[in-house]
Amino acid sequence: MIQEHQDNQQIKTAPCSVTRVCLARILVATDFSETSDCALEHALSVARTYNSKIFVVHVIPVNLTMSPELTGASQEKMRRAAREGLDLTLTSERMFGVPHEGIIQEGRLWPNIEAVIKRFEIDLVVVGTHGKSFLPKVLVGSSAEEIFRQARIPVLTVGPDVWREPFYGVELKNILFATAFGLGTEREAAYAFSLAQEHCSRLTLLHVQQRPDEEEVIVDQLQELIPSGVDLHCLPLFRVEQGDPVKEILRVAEEIKANLIVLGAKPGKGLAGNVPHTKAYQVICGASCPVLTIKS
């Protein structure tokens, strides 16, 4: 049964205040696949809205198991392919009017992405994921998860089931913020509220419980996440559901026709090469809209 609340009474607010989201510099991680191409389209939509500069980054993996002779030949082949792919991407008509720069790195994925984030003071990372563990692991599977688990800045992931074409600029009519509470929840909520305020979005706060509990207590907890100084065009909705968190988040997202899902992401290490199985990644793989993860 749906438990939905919209309270017109005075609501307690969290001590932190809501500030405008700054997205001046956006990093798009690409492997030149159709999935990465879709992620770039969404990044361009964000860039046009926030007057951002886009950094298109491709990381060439290094195979240390091959002989030096074979490694050298293979690396040079991948360098040529990377340069051709990047040139094709940066010279396409869709990049017109958006400041952009291409970067090619070599080595392990995350350390190179992290270096670019620090060097250019990136505000947002955008990445696509196939959601298939048997595909070449460049930006698929746990490699995409490694980025949003390690990045200290928000990461927008475009999953394989995102069917809605991005608009010329960002249009967020409905935002779903799903939380399990815990460390970092206030920061995640502040980001969700800031986006909702800036885009005049309807914001739904959701908590999924796996065992019966006092609903009103949870609603009070959700209400306390509202930052001070927030000025939404309509009051947020508070929902409490019971069941499997992944299934319920995806169901509610479809029900409210969410344009964006905001989630917290617990820090994680050693994810590369493992089959993704975390709840956040399962939501990304099943969502029909992009998912914004914020590291706890």
Protein backbone atom coordinates (compact mmCIF):
# COMPACT_ATOMS: atom_id res chain seq x y z
CA MET A 1 0.00 0.00 0.00
CA ILE A 2 1.30 3.45 -0.88
CA GLN A 3 2.06 5.62 2.11
CA GLU A 4 2.23 9.22 0.88
CA HIS A 5 2.27 12.42 2.90
CA GLN A 6 2.16 16.07 1.98
CA ASP A 7 2.17 18.17 5.12
CA ASN A 8 1.05 21.81 4.96
CA GLN A 9 2.05 22.42 8.57
CA GLN A 10 5.36 23.87 9.66
CA ILE A 11 8.11 21.36 8.96
CA LYS A 12 11.38 20.97 10.82
CA THR A 13 14.39 21.73 8.67
CA ALA A 14 17.91 20.44 8.76
CA PRO A 15 20.59 22.85 10.00
CA CYS A 16 22.37 23.02 6.63
CA SER A 17 21.09 25.55 4.11
CA VAL A 18 20.37 24.88 0.47
CA THR A 19 22.77 26.47 -2.02
CA ARG A 20 22.72 26.64 -5.80
CA VAL A 21 24.30 23.67 -7.53
CA CYS A 22 27.49 24.66 -9.38
CA LEU A 23 28.24 22.58 -12.46
CA ALA A 24 30.83 24.70 -14.25
CA ARG A 25 33.01 21.75 -15.26
CA ILE A 26 31.65 18.34 -16.27
CA LEU A 27 33.72 15.23 -16.91
CA VAL A 28 32.30 12.64 -19.30
CA ALA A 29 34.04 9.28 -19.16
CA THR A 30 33.78 7.50 -22.50
CA ASP A 31 34.74 4.27 -24.21
CA PHE A 32 33.12 5.49 -27.48
CA SER A 33 30.32 2.94 -27.20
CA GLU A 34 26.62 3.68 -27.77
CA THR A 35 26.16 3.74 -24.00
CA SER A 36 28.87 6.36 -23.55
CA ASP A 37 27.37 8.29 -26.46
CA CYS A 38 24.02 8.39 -24.64
CA ALA A 39 25.77 9.59 -21.47
CA LEU A 40 27.41 12.38 -23.47
CA GLU A 41 24.02 13.51 -24.76
CA HIS A 42 22.77 13.86 -21.20
CA ALA A 43 25.96 15.67 -20.19
CA LEU A 44 25.46 18.15 -23.03
CA SER A 45 21.91 18.78 -21.84
CA VAL A 46 23.27 19.62 -18.38
CA ALA A 47 26.07 21.76 -19.85
CA ARG A 48 23.64 23.89 -21.87
CA THR A 49 21.55 24.52 -18.76
CA TYR A 50 24.45 25.39 -16.48
CA ASN A 51 26.79 26.98 -19.06
CA SER A 52 29.34 24.27 -18.31
CA LYS A 53 32.55 23.18 -19.99
CA ILE A 54 32.75 19.49 -20.84
CA PHE A 55 35.87 17.37 -20.54
CA VAL A 56 35.56 14.17 -22.58
CA VAL A 57 37.96 11.64 -21.05
CA HIS A 58 39.02 8.26 -22.41
CA VAL A 59 41.32 5.97 -20.45
CA ILE A 60 43.34 3.42 -22.41
CA PRO A 61 43.83 0.27 -20.31
CA VAL A 62 47.30 -1.22 -19.99
CA ASN A 63 47.65 -5.01 -20.25
CA LEU A 64 50.59 -6.00 -18.05
CA THR A 65 50.20 -9.71 -18.79
CA MET A 66 51.38 -9.38 -22.39
CA SER A 67 55.00 -9.40 -23.54
CA PRO A 68 56.63 -5.97 -23.99
CA GLU A 69 56.62 -6.34 -27.79
CA LEU A 70 52.93 -7.23 -27.95
CA THR A 71 52.06 -4.65 -25.31
CA GLY A 72 53.77 -1.89 -27.29
CA ALA A 73 51.98 -2.80 -30.52
CA SER A 74 48.64 -3.18 -28.78
CA GLN A 75 48.99 0.15 -26.95
CA GLU A 76 49.86 2.02 -30.13
CA LYS A 77 46.83 0.53 -31.87
CA MET A 78 44.60 1.58 -28.98
CA ARG A 79 46.14 5.08 -29.00
CA ARG A 80 45.28 5.52 -32.68
CA ALA A 81 41.73 4.26 -32.10
CA ALA A 82 41.35 6.56 -29.10
CA ARG A 83 42.53 9.62 -31.03
CA GLU A 84 40.18 8.82 -33.90
CA GLY A 85 37.26 8.22 -31.52
CA LEU A 86 37.92 11.42 -29.60
CA ASP A 87 38.29 13.51 -32.77
CA LEU A 88 35.02 12.13 -34.10
CA THR A 89 33.27 12.93 -30.83
CA LEU A 90 34.61 16.46 -30.45
CA THR A 91 33.94 17.49 -34.05
CA SER A 92 30.31 16.34 -34.11
CA GLU A 93 27.62 19.01 -34.56
CA ARG A 94 26.04 18.29 -31.17
CA MET A 95 29.09 19.79 -29.43
CA PHE A 96 28.42 23.18 -31.05
CA GLY A 97 28.08 26.00 -28.55
CA VAL A 98 29.37 23.96 -25.60
CA PRO A 99 32.99 24.58 -24.51
CA HIS A 100 34.79 21.26 -24.53
CA GLU A 101 38.16 19.56 -24.30
CA GLY A 102 39.32 16.03 -25.01
CA ILE A 103 41.70 14.08 -22.78
CA ILE A 104 43.33 10.67 -23.32
CA GLN A 105 44.96 8.89 -20.39
CA GLU A 106 46.59 5.48 -20.02
CA GLY A 107 46.48 3.04 -17.13
CA ARG A 108 43.90 2.10 -14.52
CA LEU A 109 40.52 3.75 -14.88
CA TRP A 110 39.81 5.32 -11.49
CA PRO A 111 43.24 6.81 -10.67
CA ASN A 112 43.22 8.55 -14.06
CA ILE A 113 39.66 9.81 -13.68
CA GLU A 114 40.50 11.05 -10.19
CA ALA A 115 43.56 12.89 -11.49
CA VAL A 116 41.48 14.74 -14.08
CA ILE A 117 38.84 15.60 -11.46
CA LYS A 118 41.50 17.20 -9.25
CA ARG A 119 43.42 18.91 -12.06
CA PHE A 120 40.41 20.64 -13.59
CA GLU A 121 38.31 20.96 -10.40
CA ILE A 122 35.44 18.96 -11.91
CA ASP A 123 31.97 19.49 -10.41
CA LEU A 124 30.13 16.49 -11.92
CA VAL A 125 31.08 13.19 -13.55
CA VAL A 126 28.80 11.65 -16.16
CA VAL A 127 29.22 8.02 -17.14
CA GLY A 128 27.25 5.39 -19.00
CA THR A 129 27.04 1.71 -18.15
CA HIS A 130 25.95 -1.29 -20.17
CA GLY A 131 24.93 -3.21 -17.07
CA LYS A 132 26.36 -6.41 -18.60
CA SER A 133 29.21 -8.13 -16.79
CA PHE A 134 30.28 -10.17 -19.82
CA LEU A 135 31.18 -7.18 -22.00
CA PRO A 136 34.74 -5.80 -22.19
CA LYS A 137 35.41 -4.03 -18.92
CA VAL A 138 36.27 -0.49 -19.94
CA LEU A 139 33.31 1.52 -18.68
CA VAL A 140 30.98 -1.37 -18.07
CA GLY A 141 29.95 -3.30 -15.04
CA SER A 142 31.90 -2.62 -11.91
CA SER A 143 34.19 -0.09 -13.63
CA ALA A 144 31.33 2.40 -13.85
CA GLU A 145 30.40 1.52 -10.28
CA GLU A 146 34.00 2.09 -9.21
CA ILE A 147 33.71 5.70 -10.35
CA PHE A 148 30.60 6.61 -8.38
CA ARG A 149 31.77 4.68 -5.32
CA GLN A 150 35.11 6.49 -5.21
CA ALA A 151 34.33 9.98 -6.52
CA ARG A 152 33.92 12.68 -3.89
CA ILE A 153 31.75 14.70 -6.27
CA PRO A 154 28.30 13.76 -7.59
CA VAL A 155 28.18 11.22 -10.44
CA LEU A 156 25.38 11.03 -12.99
CA THR A 157 25.09 7.51 -14.39
CA VAL A 158 23.04 6.71 -17.48
CA GLY A 159 22.00 3.07 -17.34
CA PRO A 160 21.07 0.67 -20.14
CA ASP A 161 17.32 1.13 -19.64
CA VAL A 162 17.25 4.91 -19.95
CA TRP A 163 14.78 5.37 -22.80
CA ARG A 164 13.95 9.03 -22.44
CA GLU A 165 15.86 11.24 -24.84
CA PRO A 166 17.51 14.21 -23.13
CA PHE A 167 16.11 17.64 -23.93
CA TYR A 168 18.21 20.50 -25.26
CA GLY A 169 18.46 21.66 -21.65
CA VAL A 170 17.77 19.86 -18.38
CA GLU A 171 14.09 19.40 -17.58
CA LEU A 172 13.45 17.91 -14.16
CA LYS A 173 9.72 17.84 -13.55
CA ASN A 174 9.93 15.03 -11.02
CA ILE A 175 12.88 14.10 -8.79
CA LEU A 176 12.97 11.04 -6.55
CA PHE A 177 15.32 11.13 -3.57
CA ALA A 178 15.58 7.65 -2.05
CA THR A 179 17.37 7.38 1.28
CA ALA A 180 18.24 4.72 3.82
CA PHE A 181 19.34 7.48 6.24
CA GLY A 182 22.75 7.18 7.82
CA LEU A 183 26.02 9.06 7.32
CA GLY A 184 25.90 11.73 4.61
CA THR A 185 22.12 11.77 4.24
CA GLU A 186 21.86 15.52 4.95
CA ARG A 187 24.35 16.30 2.19
CA GLU A 188 22.48 14.11 -0.27
CA ALA A 189 19.17 15.72 0.68
CA ALA A 190 20.60 19.22 0.32
CA TYR A 191 21.68 18.38 -3.24
CA ALA A 192 18.27 16.95 -4.12
CA PHE A 193 16.46 19.98 -2.68
CA SER A 194 18.79 22.39 -4.47
CA LEU A 195 18.06 20.76 -7.82
CA ALA A 196 14.33 20.71 -7.10
CA GLN A 197 14.35 24.37 -6.14
CA GLU A 198 16.33 25.44 -9.20
CA HIS A 199 14.23 23.46 -11.67
CA CYS A 200 10.84 23.95 -9.95
CA SER A 201 10.59 20.17 -9.65
CA ARG A 202 8.18 18.03 -7.69
CA LEU A 203 10.40 16.29 -5.14
CA THR A 204 9.50 12.95 -3.57
CA LEU A 205 11.45 11.66 -0.56
CA LEU A 206 11.32 7.88 -0.24
CA HIS A 207 12.40 5.42 2.43
CA VAL A 208 11.97 1.68 1.94
CA GLN A 209 11.75 -0.44 5.06
CA GLN A 210 12.21 -4.19 4.98
CA ARG A 211 10.26 -4.78 8.19
CA PRO A 212 7.15 -3.12 9.66
CA ASP A 213 7.89 0.01 11.63
CA GLU A 214 6.15 3.17 12.78
CA GLU A 215 5.41 5.06 9.61
CA GLU A 216 4.99 8.45 11.28
CA VAL A 217 8.44 8.19 12.87
CA ILE A 218 10.01 7.65 9.44
CA VAL A 219 8.01 10.51 7.92
CA ASP A 220 9.31 12.76 10.69
CA GLN A 221 12.85 11.68 9.82
CA LEU A 222 12.23 12.52 6.15
CA GLN A 223 10.82 15.92 7.06
CA GLU A 224 13.89 16.72 9.12
CA LEU A 225 16.01 16.38 5.96
CA ILE A 226 14.54 19.58 4.49
CA PRO A 227 17.37 22.13 4.52
CA SER A 228 16.82 25.59 5.95
CA GLY A 229 16.12 28.32 3.43
CA VAL A 230 14.58 26.02 0.85
CA ASP A 231 11.88 27.64 -1.25
CA LEU A 232 10.13 25.05 -3.43
CA HIS A 233 7.25 25.88 -5.75
CA CYS A 234 5.31 23.01 -4.16
CA LEU A 235 5.70 21.04 -0.94
CA PRO A 236 7.70 17.79 -1.12
CA LEU A 237 6.02 14.42 -0.86
CA PHE A 238 7.09 11.85 1.72
CA ARG A 239 6.67 8.16 0.99
CA VAL A 240 7.30 5.08 3.09
CA GLU A 241 7.25 1.71 1.33
CA GLN A 242 7.96 -1.81 2.47
CA GLY A 243 9.78 -4.51 0.57
CA ASP A 244 12.90 -4.89 -1.52
CA PRO A 245 14.62 -1.46 -1.74
CA VAL A 246 15.70 -1.82 -5.37
CA LYS A 247 12.30 -2.95 -6.61
CA GLU A 248 10.45 -0.29 -4.62
CA ILE A 249 12.72 2.55 -5.75
CA LEU A 250 12.30 1.53 -9.38
CA ARG A 251 8.54 1.09 -8.99
CA VAL A 252 8.04 4.49 -7.37
CA ALA A 253 10.31 6.13 -9.97
CA GLU A 254 8.14 4.76 -12.76
CA GLU A 255 4.95 5.67 -10.95
CA ILE A 256 5.87 9.34 -10.50
CA LYS A 257 7.58 9.49 -13.92
CA ALA A 258 10.85 10.56 -12.36
CA ASN A 259 13.31 12.44 -14.55
CA LEU A 260 16.08 11.86 -12.03
CA ILE A 261 16.78 9.55 -9.09
CA VAL A 262 19.10 10.79 -6.34
CA LEU A 263 20.85 8.18 -4.18
CA GLY A 264 23.61 8.01 -1.63
CA ALA A 265 26.59 5.83 -2.50
CA LYS A 266 28.63 4.16 0.19
CA PRO A 267 32.40 4.32 -0.30
CA GLY A 268 33.86 1.20 -1.84
CA LYS A 269 37.25 -0.07 -2.93
CA GLY A 270 38.47 -2.99 -4.95
CA LEU A 271 35.36 -3.03 -7.12
CA ALA A 272 37.00 -3.20 -10.52
CA GLY A 273 36.64 -6.61 -12.12
CA ASN A 274 33.82 -7.73 -9.85
CA VAL A 275 30.26 -8.30 -10.99
CA PRO A 276 28.14 -5.37 -9.78
CA HIS A 277 25.61 -6.37 -7.14
CA THR A 278 25.16 -3.33 -4.88
CA LYS A 279 21.71 -1.80 -4.50
CA ALA A 280 22.75 1.52 -6.05
CA TYR A 281 24.09 -0.22 -9.14
CA GLN A 282 20.99 -2.38 -9.46
CA VAL A 283 18.85 0.76 -9.39
CA ILE A 284 21.03 2.32 -12.11
CA CYS A 285 20.71 -0.78 -14.29
CA GLY A 286 16.92 -0.87 -13.93
CA ALA A 287 16.05 2.83 -14.01
CA SER A 288 14.51 4.47 -17.08
CA CYS A 289 16.02 7.82 -16.07
CA PRO A 290 19.55 8.88 -15.07
CA VAL A 291 20.66 8.29 -11.48
CA LEU A 292 22.67 10.84 -9.52
CA THR A 293 24.78 9.26 -6.80
CA ILE A 294 26.43 11.22 -4.02
CA LYS A 295 29.13 9.54 -1.98
CA SER A 296 28.26 9.27 1.70
